[in-house]
Amino acid sequence: MYYATKRMEIAGCHRLNLSYQSKCENLHGHNWIVTVFCRAKKLNKDGMVADFAHIKQAVHGYLDHGDFNKLLPFNPTAENIARWVTEQIPQAYKCTVQESEGNTATYIRNRTAKEGADADED
């Protein structure tokens, strides 16, 4: 099994829609640190698990300097963003999203046997 990791910093703002009062309901920004973990049983025709530039374009290229409430169709918590990032990259099995020094969320994709086999062939 081959593994590749892409780490990137993304500037963006959001406001959270919460069931309780919080200052996070106000629009605010972070310099998010997003780490995408990819894997494949075989390397692609270019000798890669996934092209780092393609990962950056799909995630950083879409989100950087954006309003996540306008760009994403869900409450943009770090947990939901980690899931969304993982879903954007077929080879990704995990993503961590750090919104501040002490706050990090991780999403790990649970694949069925067929999904795992398909994704590992990329």
PDB file of N, CA and C in Angstrom:
ATOM      1  N   MET A   1       0.856  -1.180   0.000  1.00  0.00           N
ATOM      2  CA  MET A   1       0.000   0.000   0.000  1.00  0.00           C
ATOM      3  C   MET A   1       0.893   1.230   0.000  1.00  0.00           C
ATOM      4  N   TYR A   2       0.530   2.209  -0.830  1.00  0.00           N
ATOM      5  CA  TYR A   2       1.240   3.490  -0.901  1.00  0.00           C
ATOM      6  C   TYR A   2       0.404   4.552  -0.193  1.00  0.00           C
ATOM      7  N   TYR A   3       1.092   5.476   0.456  1.00  0.00           N
ATOM      8  CA  TYR A   3       0.420   6.563   1.162  1.00  0.00           C
ATOM      9  C   TYR A   3       1.039   7.893   0.740  1.00  0.00           C
ATOM     10  N   ALA A   4       0.205   8.916   0.648  1.00  0.00           N
ATOM     11  CA  ALA A   4       0.665  10.274   0.357  1.00  0.00           C
ATOM     12  C   ALA A   4      -0.170  11.234   1.199  1.00  0.00           C
ATOM     13  N   THR A   5       0.468  12.287   1.657  1.00  0.00           N
ATOM     14  CA  THR A   5      -0.212  13.273   2.498  1.00  0.00           C
ATOM     15  C   THR A   5       0.025  14.665   1.921  1.00  0.00           C
ATOM     16  N   LYS A   6      -1.051  15.430   1.831  1.00  0.00           N
ATOM     17  CA  LYS A   6      -0.975  16.825   1.364  1.00  0.00           C
ATOM     18  C   LYS A   6      -1.456  17.728   2.493  1.00  0.00           C
ATOM     19  N   ARG A   7      -0.612  18.680   2.894  1.00  0.00           N
ATOM     20  CA  ARG A   7      -0.968  19.639   3.938  1.00  0.00           C
ATOM     21  C   ARG A   7      -1.017  21.014   3.297  1.00  0.00           C
ATOM     22  N   MET A   8      -2.039  21.785   3.617  1.00  0.00           N
ATOM     23  CA  MET A   8      -2.173  23.119   3.043  1.00  0.00           C
ATOM     24  C   MET A   8      -2.828  24.069   4.040  1.00  0.00           C
ATOM     25  N   GLU A   9      -2.517  25.346   3.899  1.00  0.00           N
ATOM     26  CA  GLU A   9      -3.134  26.374   4.731  1.00  0.00           C
ATOM     27  C   GLU A   9      -4.158  27.109   3.880  1.00  0.00           C
ATOM     28  N   ILE A  10      -5.350  27.262   4.440  1.00  0.00           N
ATOM     29  CA  ILE A  10      -6.454  27.888   3.723  1.00  0.00           C
ATOM     30  C   ILE A  10      -7.021  29.008   4.589  1.00  0.00           C
ATOM     31  N   ALA A  11      -7.032  30.212   4.050  1.00  0.00           N
ATOM     32  CA  ALA A  11      -7.652  31.335   4.746  1.00  0.00           C
ATOM     33  C   ALA A  11      -9.129  31.345   4.372  1.00  0.00           C
ATOM     34  N   GLY A  12      -9.980  31.445   5.370  1.00  0.00           N
ATOM     35  CA  GLY A  12     -11.413  31.481   5.080  1.00  0.00           C
ATOM     36  C   GLY A  12     -12.208  31.865   6.306  1.00  0.00           C
ATOM     37  N   CYS A  13     -13.435  32.297   6.040  1.00  0.00           N
ATOM     38  CA  CYS A  13     -14.317  32.679   7.138  1.00  0.00           C
ATOM     39  C   CYS A  13     -15.559  31.796   7.151  1.00  0.00           C
ATOM     40  N   HIS A  14     -16.198  31.782   8.312  1.00  0.00           N
ATOM     41  CA  HIS A  14     -17.467  31.061   8.462  1.00  0.00           C
ATOM     42  C   HIS A  14     -18.188  31.602   9.686  1.00  0.00           C
ATOM     43  N   ARG A  15     -19.425  31.239   9.772  1.00  0.00           N
ATOM     44  CA  ARG A  15     -20.211  31.443  10.979  1.00  0.00           C
ATOM     45  C   ARG A  15     -20.947  30.143  11.207  1.00  0.00           C
ATOM     46  N   LEU A  16     -21.068  29.736  12.447  1.00  0.00           N
ATOM     47  CA  LEU A  16     -21.712  28.461  12.748  1.00  0.00           C
ATOM     48  C   LEU A  16     -23.166  28.661  13.133  1.00  0.00           C
ATOM     49  N   ASN A  17     -24.002  27.776  12.659  1.00  0.00           N
ATOM     50  CA  ASN A  17     -25.409  27.750  13.039  1.00  0.00           C
ATOM     51  C   ASN A  17     -25.530  26.718  14.154  1.00  0.00           C
ATOM     52  N   LEU A  18     -25.699  27.199  15.387  1.00  0.00           N
ATOM     53  CA  LEU A  18     -25.664  26.325  16.551  1.00  0.00           C
ATOM     54  C   LEU A  18     -26.992  26.306  17.288  1.00  0.00           C
ATOM     55  N   SER A  19     -27.173  25.287  18.096  1.00  0.00           N
ATOM     56  CA  SER A  19     -28.407  25.158  18.882  1.00  0.00           C
ATOM     57  C   SER A  19     -28.297  25.898  20.213  1.00  0.00           C
ATOM     58  N   TYR A  20     -27.217  26.616  20.423  1.00  0.00           N
ATOM     59  CA  TYR A  20     -26.981  27.382  21.643  1.00  0.00           C
ATOM     60  C   TYR A  20     -26.272  28.680  21.275  1.00  0.00           C
ATOM     61  N   GLN A  21     -26.288  29.642  22.191  1.00  0.00           N
ATOM     62  CA  GLN A  21     -25.631  30.923  21.922  1.00  0.00           C
ATOM     63  C   GLN A  21     -24.126  30.765  22.009  1.00  0.00           C
ATOM     64  N   SER A  22     -23.437  31.319  21.024  1.00  0.00           N
ATOM     65  CA  SER A  22     -21.976  31.245  20.988  1.00  0.00           C
ATOM     66  C   SER A  22     -21.440  32.381  20.134  1.00  0.00           C
ATOM     67  N   LYS A  23     -20.256  32.868  20.469  1.00  0.00           N
ATOM     68  CA  LYS A  23     -19.645  33.905  19.638  1.00  0.00           C
ATOM     69  C   LYS A  23     -19.295  33.360  18.257  1.00  0.00           C
ATOM     70  N   CYS A  24     -19.257  32.045  18.103  1.00  0.00           N
ATOM     71  CA  CYS A  24     -18.969  31.436  16.798  1.00  0.00           C
ATOM     72  C   CYS A  24     -20.136  31.580  15.819  1.00  0.00           C
ATOM     73  N   GLU A  25     -21.270  32.085  16.297  1.00  0.00           N
ATOM     74  CA  GLU A  25     -22.387  32.379  15.402  1.00  0.00           C
ATOM     75  C   GLU A  25     -22.116  33.650  14.591  1.00  0.00           C
ATOM     76  N   ASN A  26     -21.141  34.435  15.024  1.00  0.00           N
ATOM     77  CA  ASN A  26     -20.733  35.630  14.293  1.00  0.00           C
ATOM     78  C   ASN A  26     -19.717  35.242  13.224  1.00  0.00           C
ATOM     79  N   LEU A  27     -19.740  35.955  12.117  1.00  0.00           N
ATOM     80  CA  LEU A  27     -18.779  35.699  11.047  1.00  0.00           C
ATOM     81  C   LEU A  27     -17.364  35.952  11.575  1.00  0.00           C
ATOM     82  N   HIS A  28     -16.475  34.972  11.376  1.00  0.00           N
ATOM     83  CA  HIS A  28     -15.092  35.080  11.818  1.00  0.00           C
ATOM     84  C   HIS A  28     -14.214  34.226  10.917  1.00  0.00           C
ATOM     85  N   GLY A  29     -12.922  34.467  10.966  1.00  0.00           N
ATOM     86  CA  GLY A  29     -12.017  33.761  10.067  1.00  0.00           C
ATOM     87  C   GLY A  29     -10.964  32.949  10.785  1.00  0.00           C
ATOM     88  N   HIS A  30     -10.366  32.044  10.023  1.00  0.00           N
ATOM     89  CA  HIS A  30      -9.269  31.206  10.501  1.00  0.00           C
ATOM     90  C   HIS A  30      -8.272  31.052   9.359  1.00  0.00           C
ATOM     91  N   ASN A  31      -7.056  30.715   9.711  1.00  0.00           N
ATOM     92  CA  ASN A  31      -6.103  30.181   8.753  1.00  0.00           C
ATOM     93  C   ASN A  31      -6.089  28.679   9.030  1.00  0.00           C
ATOM     94  N   TRP A  32      -6.940  27.977   8.325  1.00  0.00           N
ATOM     95  CA  TRP A  32      -7.152  26.550   8.512  1.00  0.00           C
ATOM     96  C   TRP A  32      -5.930  25.780   8.023  1.00  0.00           C
ATOM     97  N   ILE A  33      -5.549  24.748   8.741  1.00  0.00           N
ATOM     98  CA  ILE A  33      -4.527  23.815   8.278  1.00  0.00           C
ATOM     99  C   ILE A  33      -5.269  22.522   7.941  1.00  0.00           C
ATOM    100  N   VAL A  34      -5.271  22.184   6.671  1.00  0.00           N
ATOM    101  CA  VAL A  34      -5.996  21.008   6.184  1.00  0.00           C
ATOM    102  C   VAL A  34      -4.968  19.981   5.719  1.00  0.00           C
ATOM    103  N   THR A  35      -5.079  18.770   6.250  1.00  0.00           N
ATOM    104  CA  THR A  35      -4.186  17.689   5.863  1.00  0.00           C
ATOM    105  C   THR A  35      -5.021  16.560   5.286  1.00  0.00           C
ATOM    106  N   VAL A  36      -4.698  16.185   4.052  1.00  0.00           N
ATOM    107  CA  VAL A  36      -5.424  15.136   3.334  1.00  0.00           C
ATOM    108  C   VAL A  36      -4.520  13.911   3.261  1.00  0.00           C
ATOM    109  N   PHE A  37      -5.046  12.774   3.696  1.00  0.00           N
ATOM    110  CA  PHE A  37      -4.309  11.515   3.698  1.00  0.00           C
ATOM    111  C   PHE A  37      -4.873  10.621   2.595  1.00  0.00           C
ATOM    112  N   CYS A  38      -4.015  10.187   1.685  1.00  0.00           N
ATOM    113  CA  CYS A  38      -4.434   9.377   0.544  1.00  0.00           C
ATOM    114  C   CYS A  38      -3.698   8.041   0.547  1.00  0.00           C
ATOM    115  N   ARG A  39      -4.301   7.051  -0.129  1.00  0.00           N
ATOM    116  CA  ARG A  39      -3.652   5.746  -0.249  1.00  0.00           C
ATOM    117  C   ARG A  39      -4.088   5.065  -1.538  1.00  0.00           C
ATOM    118  N   ALA A  40      -3.239   4.139  -1.988  1.00  0.00           N
ATOM    119  CA  ALA A  40      -3.558   3.339  -3.169  1.00  0.00           C
ATOM    120  C   ALA A  40      -2.715   2.067  -3.133  1.00  0.00           C
ATOM    121  N   LYS A  41      -3.306   0.982  -3.602  1.00  0.00           N
ATOM    122  CA  LYS A  41      -2.553  -0.272  -3.697  1.00  0.00           C
ATOM    123  C   LYS A  41      -1.526  -0.197  -4.811  1.00  0.00           C
ATOM    124  N   LYS A  42      -1.890   0.510  -5.881  1.00  0.00           N
ATOM    125  CA  LYS A  42      -0.985   0.677  -7.026  1.00  0.00           C
ATOM    126  C   LYS A  42      -0.864   2.161  -7.336  1.00  0.00           C
ATOM    127  N   LEU A  43       0.289   2.546  -7.826  1.00  0.00           N
ATOM    128  CA  LEU A  43       0.474   3.929  -8.250  1.00  0.00           C
ATOM    129  C   LEU A  43      -0.197   4.139  -9.599  1.00  0.00           C
ATOM    130  N   ASN A  44      -0.621   5.374  -9.874  1.00  0.00           N
ATOM    131  CA  ASN A  44      -1.247   5.667 -11.166  1.00  0.00           C
ATOM    132  C   ASN A  44      -0.187   5.660 -12.267  1.00  0.00           C
ATOM    133  N   LYS A  45      -0.588   5.939 -13.482  1.00  0.00           N
ATOM    134  CA  LYS A  45       0.331   5.870 -14.628  1.00  0.00           C
ATOM    135  C   LYS A  45       1.505   6.834 -14.514  1.00  0.00           C
ATOM    136  N   ASP A  46       1.361   7.863 -13.655  1.00  0.00           N
ATOM    137  CA  ASP A  46       2.430   8.834 -13.454  1.00  0.00           C
ATOM    138  C   ASP A  46       3.302   8.499 -12.240  1.00  0.00           C
ATOM    139  N   GLY A  47       3.019   7.361 -11.608  1.00  0.00           N
ATOM    140  CA  GLY A  47       3.799   6.950 -10.450  1.00  0.00           C
ATOM    141  C   GLY A  47       3.405   7.625  -9.148  1.00  0.00           C
ATOM    142  N   MET A  48       2.124   8.038  -9.061  1.00  0.00           N
ATOM    143  CA  MET A  48       1.641   8.760  -7.880  1.00  0.00           C
ATOM    144  C   MET A  48       0.427   8.077  -7.265  1.00  0.00           C
ATOM    145  N   VAL A  49       0.239   8.284  -5.960  1.00  0.00           N
ATOM    146  CA  VAL A  49      -1.027   7.931  -5.309  1.00  0.00           C
ATOM    147  C   VAL A  49      -2.083   8.912  -5.800  1.00  0.00           C
ATOM    148  N   ALA A  50      -1.769  10.179  -5.709  1.00  0.00           N
ATOM    149  CA  ALA A  50      -2.620  11.272  -6.192  1.00  0.00           C
ATOM    150  C   ALA A  50      -1.700  12.461  -6.439  1.00  0.00           C
ATOM    151  N   ASP A  51      -2.018  13.258  -7.420  1.00  0.00           N
ATOM    152  CA  ASP A  51      -1.197  14.421  -7.738  1.00  0.00           C
ATOM    153  C   ASP A  51      -1.459  15.504  -6.695  1.00  0.00           C
ATOM    154  N   PHE A  52      -0.400  15.935  -5.997  1.00  0.00           N
ATOM    155  CA  PHE A  52      -0.555  16.968  -4.975  1.00  0.00           C
ATOM    156  C   PHE A  52      -1.177  18.238  -5.544  1.00  0.00           C
ATOM    157  N   ALA A  53      -0.844  18.579  -6.765  1.00  0.00           N
ATOM    158  CA  ALA A  53      -1.409  19.781  -7.391  1.00  0.00           C
ATOM    159  C   ALA A  53      -2.911  19.650  -7.590  1.00  0.00           C
ATOM    160  N   HIS A  54      -3.385  18.445  -7.920  1.00  0.00           N
ATOM    161  CA  HIS A  54      -4.824  18.236  -8.104  1.00  0.00           C
ATOM    162  C   HIS A  54      -5.561  18.328  -6.776  1.00  0.00           C
ATOM    163  N   ILE A  55      -4.948  17.806  -5.726  1.00  0.00           N
ATOM    164  CA  ILE A  55      -5.553  17.922  -4.397  1.00  0.00           C
ATOM    165  C   ILE A  55      -5.651  19.394  -4.010  1.00  0.00           C
ATOM    166  N   LYS A  56      -4.558  20.126  -4.209  1.00  0.00           N
ATOM    167  CA  LYS A  56      -4.554  21.549  -3.854  1.00  0.00           C
ATOM    168  C   LYS A  56      -5.615  22.311  -4.642  1.00  0.00           C
ATOM    169  N   GLN A  57      -5.733  22.031  -5.925  1.00  0.00           N
ATOM    170  CA  GLN A  57      -6.721  22.730  -6.745  1.00  0.00           C
ATOM    171  C   GLN A  57      -8.142  22.439  -6.276  1.00  0.00           C
ATOM    172  N   ALA A  58      -8.432  21.186  -5.971  1.00  0.00           N
ATOM    173  CA  ALA A  58      -9.789  20.791  -5.578  1.00  0.00           C
ATOM    174  C   ALA A  58     -10.202  21.388  -4.237  1.00  0.00           C
ATOM    175  N   VAL A  59      -9.267  21.564  -3.330  1.00  0.00           N
ATOM    176  CA  VAL A  59      -9.595  22.020  -1.980  1.00  0.00           C
ATOM    177  C   VAL A  59      -9.192  23.485  -1.784  1.00  0.00           C
ATOM    178  N   HIS A  60      -7.917  23.764  -1.830  1.00  0.00           N
ATOM    179  CA  HIS A  60      -7.410  25.127  -1.641  1.00  0.00           C
ATOM    180  C   HIS A  60      -7.953  26.056  -2.720  1.00  0.00           C
ATOM    181  N   GLY A  61      -7.930  25.591  -3.956  1.00  0.00           N
ATOM    182  CA  GLY A  61      -8.404  26.406  -5.072  1.00  0.00           C
ATOM    183  C   GLY A  61      -9.861  26.809  -4.949  1.00  0.00           C
ATOM    184  N   TYR A  62     -10.646  25.962  -4.289  1.00  0.00           N
ATOM    185  CA  TYR A  62     -12.071  26.252  -4.127  1.00  0.00           C
ATOM    186  C   TYR A  62     -12.361  27.089  -2.867  1.00  0.00           C
ATOM    187  N   LEU A  63     -11.693  26.769  -1.760  1.00  0.00           N
ATOM    188  CA  LEU A  63     -12.038  27.378  -0.477  1.00  0.00           C
ATOM    189  C   LEU A  63     -11.231  28.629  -0.106  1.00  0.00           C
ATOM    190  N   ASP A  64      -9.992  28.743  -0.573  1.00  0.00           N
ATOM    191  CA  ASP A  64      -9.099  29.776  -0.058  1.00  0.00           C
ATOM    192  C   ASP A  64      -9.670  31.180  -0.226  1.00  0.00           C
ATOM    193  N   HIS A  65      -9.637  31.928   0.866  1.00  0.00           N
ATOM    194  CA  HIS A  65     -10.140  33.302   0.963  1.00  0.00           C
ATOM    195  C   HIS A  65     -11.640  33.391   0.687  1.00  0.00           C
ATOM    196  N   GLY A  66     -12.340  32.305   0.975  1.00  0.00           N
ATOM    197  CA  GLY A  66     -13.778  32.286   0.736  1.00  0.00           C
ATOM    198  C   GLY A  66     -14.601  32.304   2.013  1.00  0.00           C
ATOM    199  N   ASP A  67     -15.881  32.525   1.821  1.00  0.00           N
ATOM    200  CA  ASP A  67     -16.872  32.432   2.892  1.00  0.00           C
ATOM    201  C   ASP A  67     -17.433  31.015   2.826  1.00  0.00           C
ATOM    202  N   PHE A  68     -17.066  30.195   3.776  1.00  0.00           N
ATOM    203  CA  PHE A  68     -17.444  28.786   3.742  1.00  0.00           C
ATOM    204  C   PHE A  68     -18.959  28.590   3.811  1.00  0.00           C
ATOM    205  N   ASN A  69     -19.674  29.530   4.428  1.00  0.00           N
ATOM    206  CA  ASN A  69     -21.135  29.420   4.460  1.00  0.00           C
ATOM    207  C   ASN A  69     -21.735  29.552   3.067  1.00  0.00           C
ATOM    208  N   LYS A  70     -21.074  30.297   2.205  1.00  0.00           N
ATOM    209  CA  LYS A  70     -21.563  30.459   0.835  1.00  0.00           C
ATOM    210  C   LYS A  70     -21.046  29.349  -0.081  1.00  0.00           C
ATOM    211  N   LEU A  71     -19.878  28.802   0.215  1.00  0.00           N
ATOM    212  CA  LEU A  71     -19.257  27.803  -0.662  1.00  0.00           C
ATOM    213  C   LEU A  71     -19.688  26.367  -0.377  1.00  0.00           C
ATOM    214  N   LEU A  72     -20.117  26.106   0.848  1.00  0.00           N
ATOM    215  CA  LEU A  72     -20.419  24.729   1.254  1.00  0.00           C
ATOM    216  C   LEU A  72     -21.888  24.592   1.639  1.00  0.00           C
ATOM    217  N   PRO A  73     -22.527  23.490   1.275  1.00  0.00           N
ATOM    218  CA  PRO A  73     -23.969  23.330   1.500  1.00  0.00           C
ATOM    219  C   PRO A  73     -24.331  22.735   2.867  1.00  0.00           C
ATOM    220  N   PHE A  74     -23.550  23.050   3.901  1.00  0.00           N
ATOM    221  CA  PHE A  74     -23.800  22.503   5.236  1.00  0.00           C
ATOM    222  C   PHE A  74     -23.232  23.467   6.271  1.00  0.00           C
ATOM    223  N   ASN A  75     -23.544  23.242   7.526  1.00  0.00           N
ATOM    224  CA  ASN A  75     -22.992  24.031   8.617  1.00  0.00           C
ATOM    225  C   ASN A  75     -21.477  23.791   8.635  1.00  0.00           C
ATOM    226  N   PRO A  76     -20.656  24.807   8.338  1.00  0.00           N
ATOM    227  CA  PRO A  76     -19.226  24.596   8.122  1.00  0.00           C
ATOM    228  C   PRO A  76     -18.397  24.437   9.401  1.00  0.00           C
ATOM    229  N   THR A  77     -18.709  23.402  10.159  1.00  0.00           N
ATOM    230  CA  THR A  77     -17.879  23.044  11.301  1.00  0.00           C
ATOM    231  C   THR A  77     -16.608  22.376  10.784  1.00  0.00           C
ATOM    232  N   ALA A  78     -15.584  22.321  11.592  1.00  0.00           N
ATOM    233  CA  ALA A  78     -14.341  21.655  11.186  1.00  0.00           C
ATOM    234  C   ALA A  78     -14.612  20.188  10.842  1.00  0.00           C
ATOM    235  N   GLU A  79     -15.513  19.542  11.586  1.00  0.00           N
ATOM    236  CA  GLU A  79     -15.846  18.142  11.327  1.00  0.00           C
ATOM    237  C   GLU A  79     -16.482  17.965   9.950  1.00  0.00           C
ATOM    238  N   ASN A  80     -17.448  18.830   9.635  1.00  0.00           N
ATOM    239  CA  ASN A  80     -18.110  18.738   8.329  1.00  0.00           C
ATOM    240  C   ASN A  80     -17.158  19.080   7.186  1.00  0.00           C
ATOM    241  N   ILE A  81     -16.264  20.031   7.413  1.00  0.00           N
ATOM    242  CA  ILE A  81     -15.288  20.385   6.375  1.00  0.00           C
ATOM    243  C   ILE A  81     -14.342  19.217   6.132  1.00  0.00           C
ATOM    244  N   ALA A  82     -13.912  18.530   7.189  1.00  0.00           N
ATOM    245  CA  ALA A  82     -13.026  17.372   7.032  1.00  0.00           C
ATOM    246  C   ALA A  82     -13.694  16.286   6.194  1.00  0.00           C
ATOM    247  N   ARG A  83     -14.979  16.049   6.424  1.00  0.00           N
ATOM    248  CA  ARG A  83     -15.710  15.061   5.622  1.00  0.00           C
ATOM    249  C   ARG A  83     -15.785  15.511   4.163  1.00  0.00           C
ATOM    250  N   TRP A  84     -16.131  16.765   3.941  1.00  0.00           N
ATOM    251  CA  TRP A  84     -16.255  17.288   2.575  1.00  0.00           C
ATOM    252  C   TRP A  84     -14.939  17.157   1.815  1.00  0.00           C
ATOM    253  N   VAL A  85     -13.834  17.534   2.454  1.00  0.00           N
ATOM    254  CA  VAL A  85     -12.530  17.439   1.796  1.00  0.00           C
ATOM    255  C   VAL A  85     -12.254  15.990   1.395  1.00  0.00           C
ATOM    256  N   THR A  86     -12.490  15.061   2.296  1.00  0.00           N
ATOM    257  CA  THR A  86     -12.254  13.643   1.998  1.00  0.00           C
ATOM    258  C   THR A  86     -13.089  13.195   0.809  1.00  0.00           C
ATOM    259  N   GLU A  87     -14.303  13.681   0.708  1.00  0.00           N
ATOM    260  CA  GLU A  87     -15.192  13.293  -0.402  1.00  0.00           C
ATOM    261  C   GLU A  87     -14.756  13.894  -1.738  1.00  0.00           C
ATOM    262  N   GLN A  88     -13.939  14.949  -1.722  1.00  0.00           N
ATOM    263  CA  GLN A  88     -13.502  15.587  -2.971  1.00  0.00           C
ATOM    264  C   GLN A  88     -12.376  14.822  -3.657  1.00  0.00           C
ATOM    265  N   ILE A  89     -11.655  14.004  -2.908  1.00  0.00           N
ATOM    266  CA  ILE A  89     -10.459  13.337  -3.421  1.00  0.00           C
ATOM    267  C   ILE A  89     -10.696  11.826  -3.378  1.00  0.00           C
ATOM    268  N   PRO A  90     -10.826  11.157  -4.517  1.00  0.00           N
ATOM    269  CA  PRO A  90     -11.137   9.724  -4.519  1.00  0.00           C
ATOM    270  C   PRO A  90     -10.147   8.867  -3.728  1.00  0.00           C
ATOM    271  N   GLN A  91      -8.882   9.232  -3.722  1.00  0.00           N
ATOM    272  CA  GLN A  91      -7.876   8.440  -3.028  1.00  0.00           C
ATOM    273  C   GLN A  91      -7.799   8.752  -1.535  1.00  0.00           C
ATOM    274  N   ALA A  92      -8.490   9.791  -1.086  1.00  0.00           N
ATOM    275  CA  ALA A  92      -8.423  10.199   0.324  1.00  0.00           C
ATOM    276  C   ALA A  92      -9.200   9.232   1.198  1.00  0.00           C
ATOM    277  N   TYR A  93      -8.605   8.892   2.318  1.00  0.00           N
ATOM    278  CA  TYR A  93      -9.292   8.063   3.307  1.00  0.00           C
ATOM    279  C   TYR A  93      -9.455   8.790   4.639  1.00  0.00           C
ATOM    280  N   LYS A  94      -8.745   9.930   4.785  1.00  0.00           N
ATOM    281  CA  LYS A  94      -8.793  10.665   6.049  1.00  0.00           C
ATOM    282  C   LYS A  94      -8.425  12.116   5.790  1.00  0.00           C
ATOM    283  N   CYS A  95      -8.979  12.995   6.635  1.00  0.00           N
ATOM    284  CA  CYS A  95      -8.627  14.413   6.568  1.00  0.00           C
ATOM    285  C   CYS A  95      -8.677  14.993   7.976  1.00  0.00           C
ATOM    286  N   THR A  96      -7.693  15.838   8.286  1.00  0.00           N
ATOM    287  CA  THR A  96      -7.757  16.607   9.523  1.00  0.00           C
ATOM    288  C   THR A  96      -7.882  18.081   9.155  1.00  0.00           C
ATOM    289  N   VAL A  97      -8.685  18.788   9.927  1.00  0.00           N
ATOM    290  CA  VAL A  97      -8.891  20.219   9.734  1.00  0.00           C
ATOM    291  C   VAL A  97      -8.605  20.887  11.068  1.00  0.00           C
ATOM    292  N   GLN A  98      -7.587  21.735  11.074  1.00  0.00           N
ATOM    293  CA  GLN A  98      -7.217  22.485  12.269  1.00  0.00           C
ATOM    294  C   GLN A  98      -7.637  23.923  12.052  1.00  0.00           C
ATOM    295  N   GLU A  99      -8.537  24.413  12.917  1.00  0.00           N
ATOM    296  CA  GLU A  99      -8.988  25.790  12.753  1.00  0.00           C
ATOM    297  C   GLU A  99      -8.252  26.746  13.689  1.00  0.00           C
ATOM    298  N   SER A 100      -7.600  26.224  14.690  1.00  0.00           N
ATOM    299  CA  SER A 100      -6.766  27.026  15.582  1.00  0.00           C
ATOM    300  C   SER A 100      -5.791  26.080  16.266  1.00  0.00           C
ATOM    301  N   GLU A 101      -4.869  26.618  17.008  1.00  0.00           N
ATOM    302  CA  GLU A 101      -3.813  25.811  17.618  1.00  0.00           C
ATOM    303  C   GLU A 101      -4.369  24.635  18.428  1.00  0.00           C
ATOM    304  N   GLY A 102      -5.459  24.842  19.114  1.00  0.00           N
ATOM    305  CA  GLY A 102      -5.983  23.795  19.980  1.00  0.00           C
ATOM    306  C   GLY A 102      -7.205  23.058  19.471  1.00  0.00           C
ATOM    307  N   ASN A 103      -7.668  23.372  18.261  1.00  0.00           N
ATOM    308  CA  ASN A 103      -8.920  22.788  17.769  1.00  0.00           C
ATOM    309  C   ASN A 103      -8.724  22.094  16.426  1.00  0.00           C
ATOM    310  N   THR A 104      -8.786  20.778  16.444  1.00  0.00           N
ATOM    311  CA  THR A 104      -8.609  19.970  15.243  1.00  0.00           C
ATOM    312  C   THR A 104      -9.696  18.919  15.171  1.00  0.00           C
ATOM    313  N   ALA A 105     -10.230  18.696  13.983  1.00  0.00           N
ATOM    314  CA  ALA A 105     -11.227  17.654  13.755  1.00  0.00           C
ATOM    315  C   ALA A 105     -10.695  16.709  12.682  1.00  0.00           C
ATOM    316  N   THR A 106     -11.059  15.442  12.801  1.00  0.00           N
ATOM    317  CA  THR A 106     -10.626  14.427  11.842  1.00  0.00           C
ATOM    318  C   THR A 106     -11.830  13.656  11.340  1.00  0.00           C
ATOM    319  N   TYR A 107     -11.825  13.374  10.043  1.00  0.00           N
ATOM    320  CA  TYR A 107     -12.833  12.489   9.441  1.00  0.00           C
ATOM    321  C   TYR A 107     -12.091  11.340   8.780  1.00  0.00           C
ATOM    322  N   ILE A 108     -12.560  10.113   9.018  1.00  0.00           N
ATOM    323  CA  ILE A 108     -12.003   8.926   8.372  1.00  0.00           C
ATOM    324  C   ILE A 108     -13.127   8.256   7.607  1.00  0.00           C
ATOM    325  N   ARG A 109     -12.888   8.061   6.319  1.00  0.00           N
ATOM    326  CA  ARG A 109     -13.897   7.456   5.451  1.00  0.00           C
ATOM    327  C   ARG A 109     -14.017   5.967   5.770  1.00  0.00           C
ATOM    328  N   ASN A 110     -15.246   5.519   5.966  1.00  0.00           N
ATOM    329  CA  ASN A 110     -15.521   4.092   6.098  1.00  0.00           C
ATOM    330  C   ASN A 110     -15.950   3.596   4.739  1.00  0.00           C
ATOM    331  N   ARG A 111     -15.139   2.750   4.139  1.00  0.00           N
ATOM    332  CA  ARG A 111     -15.434   2.246   2.795  1.00  0.00           C
ATOM    333  C   ARG A 111     -16.000   0.841   2.860  1.00  0.00           C
ATOM    334  N   THR A 112     -16.901   0.571   1.936  1.00  0.00           N
ATOM    335  CA  THR A 112     -17.327  -0.808   1.752  1.00  0.00           C
ATOM    336  C   THR A 112     -16.207  -1.524   1.025  1.00  0.00           C
ATOM    337  N   ALA A 113     -16.248  -2.828   0.954  1.00  0.00           N
ATOM    338  CA  ALA A 113     -15.200  -3.592   0.271  1.00  0.00           C
ATOM    339  C   ALA A 113     -15.074  -3.144  -1.180  1.00  0.00           C
ATOM    340  N   LYS A 114     -16.215  -2.935  -1.869  1.00  0.00           N
ATOM    341  CA  LYS A 114     -16.171  -2.531  -3.275  1.00  0.00           C
ATOM    342  C   LYS A 114     -15.579  -1.131  -3.427  1.00  0.00           C
ATOM    343  N   GLU A 115     -16.026  -0.176  -2.591  1.00  0.00           N
ATOM    344  CA  GLU A 115     -15.494   1.185  -2.675  1.00  0.00           C
ATOM    345  C   GLU A 115     -13.993   1.190  -2.417  1.00  0.00           C
ATOM    346  N   GLY A 116     -13.537   0.432  -1.458  1.00  0.00           N
ATOM    347  CA  GLY A 116     -12.117   0.374  -1.156  1.00  0.00           C
ATOM    348  C   GLY A 116     -11.316  -0.180  -2.307  1.00  0.00           C
ATOM    349  N   ALA A 117     -11.835  -1.212  -2.949  1.00  0.00           N
ATOM    350  CA  ALA A 117     -11.133  -1.806  -4.091  1.00  0.00           C
ATOM    351  C   ALA A 117     -11.091  -0.827  -5.260  1.00  0.00           C
ATOM    352  N   ASP A 118     -12.206  -0.162  -5.527  1.00  0.00           N
ATOM    353  CA  ASP A 118     -12.246   0.808  -6.625  1.00  0.00           C
ATOM    354  C   ASP A 118     -11.294   1.960  -6.383  1.00  0.00           C
ATOM    355  N   ALA A 119     -11.292   2.516  -5.193  1.00  0.00           N
ATOM    356  CA  ALA A 119     -10.463   3.680  -4.909  1.00  0.00           C
ATOM    357  C   ALA A 119      -8.988   3.298  -4.917  1.00  0.00           C
ATOM    358  N   ASP A 120      -8.680   2.092  -4.483  1.00  0.00           N
ATOM    359  CA  ASP A 120      -7.284   1.673  -4.419  1.00  0.00           C
ATOM    360  C   ASP A 120      -6.686   1.409  -5.793  1.00  0.00           C
ATOM    361  N   GLU A 121      -7.515   1.366  -6.830  1.00  0.00           N
ATOM    362  CA  GLU A 121      -7.003   1.124  -8.172  1.00  0.00           C
ATOM    363  C   GLU A 121      -6.627   2.406  -8.892  1.00  0.00           C
ATOM    364  N   ASP A 122      -6.915   3.547  -8.306  1.00  0.00           N
ATOM    365  CA  ASP A 122      -6.577   4.836  -8.941  1.00  0.00           C
ATOM    366  C   ASP A 122      -5.088   5.043  -9.000  1.00  0.00           C
TER     367      ASP A 122
END
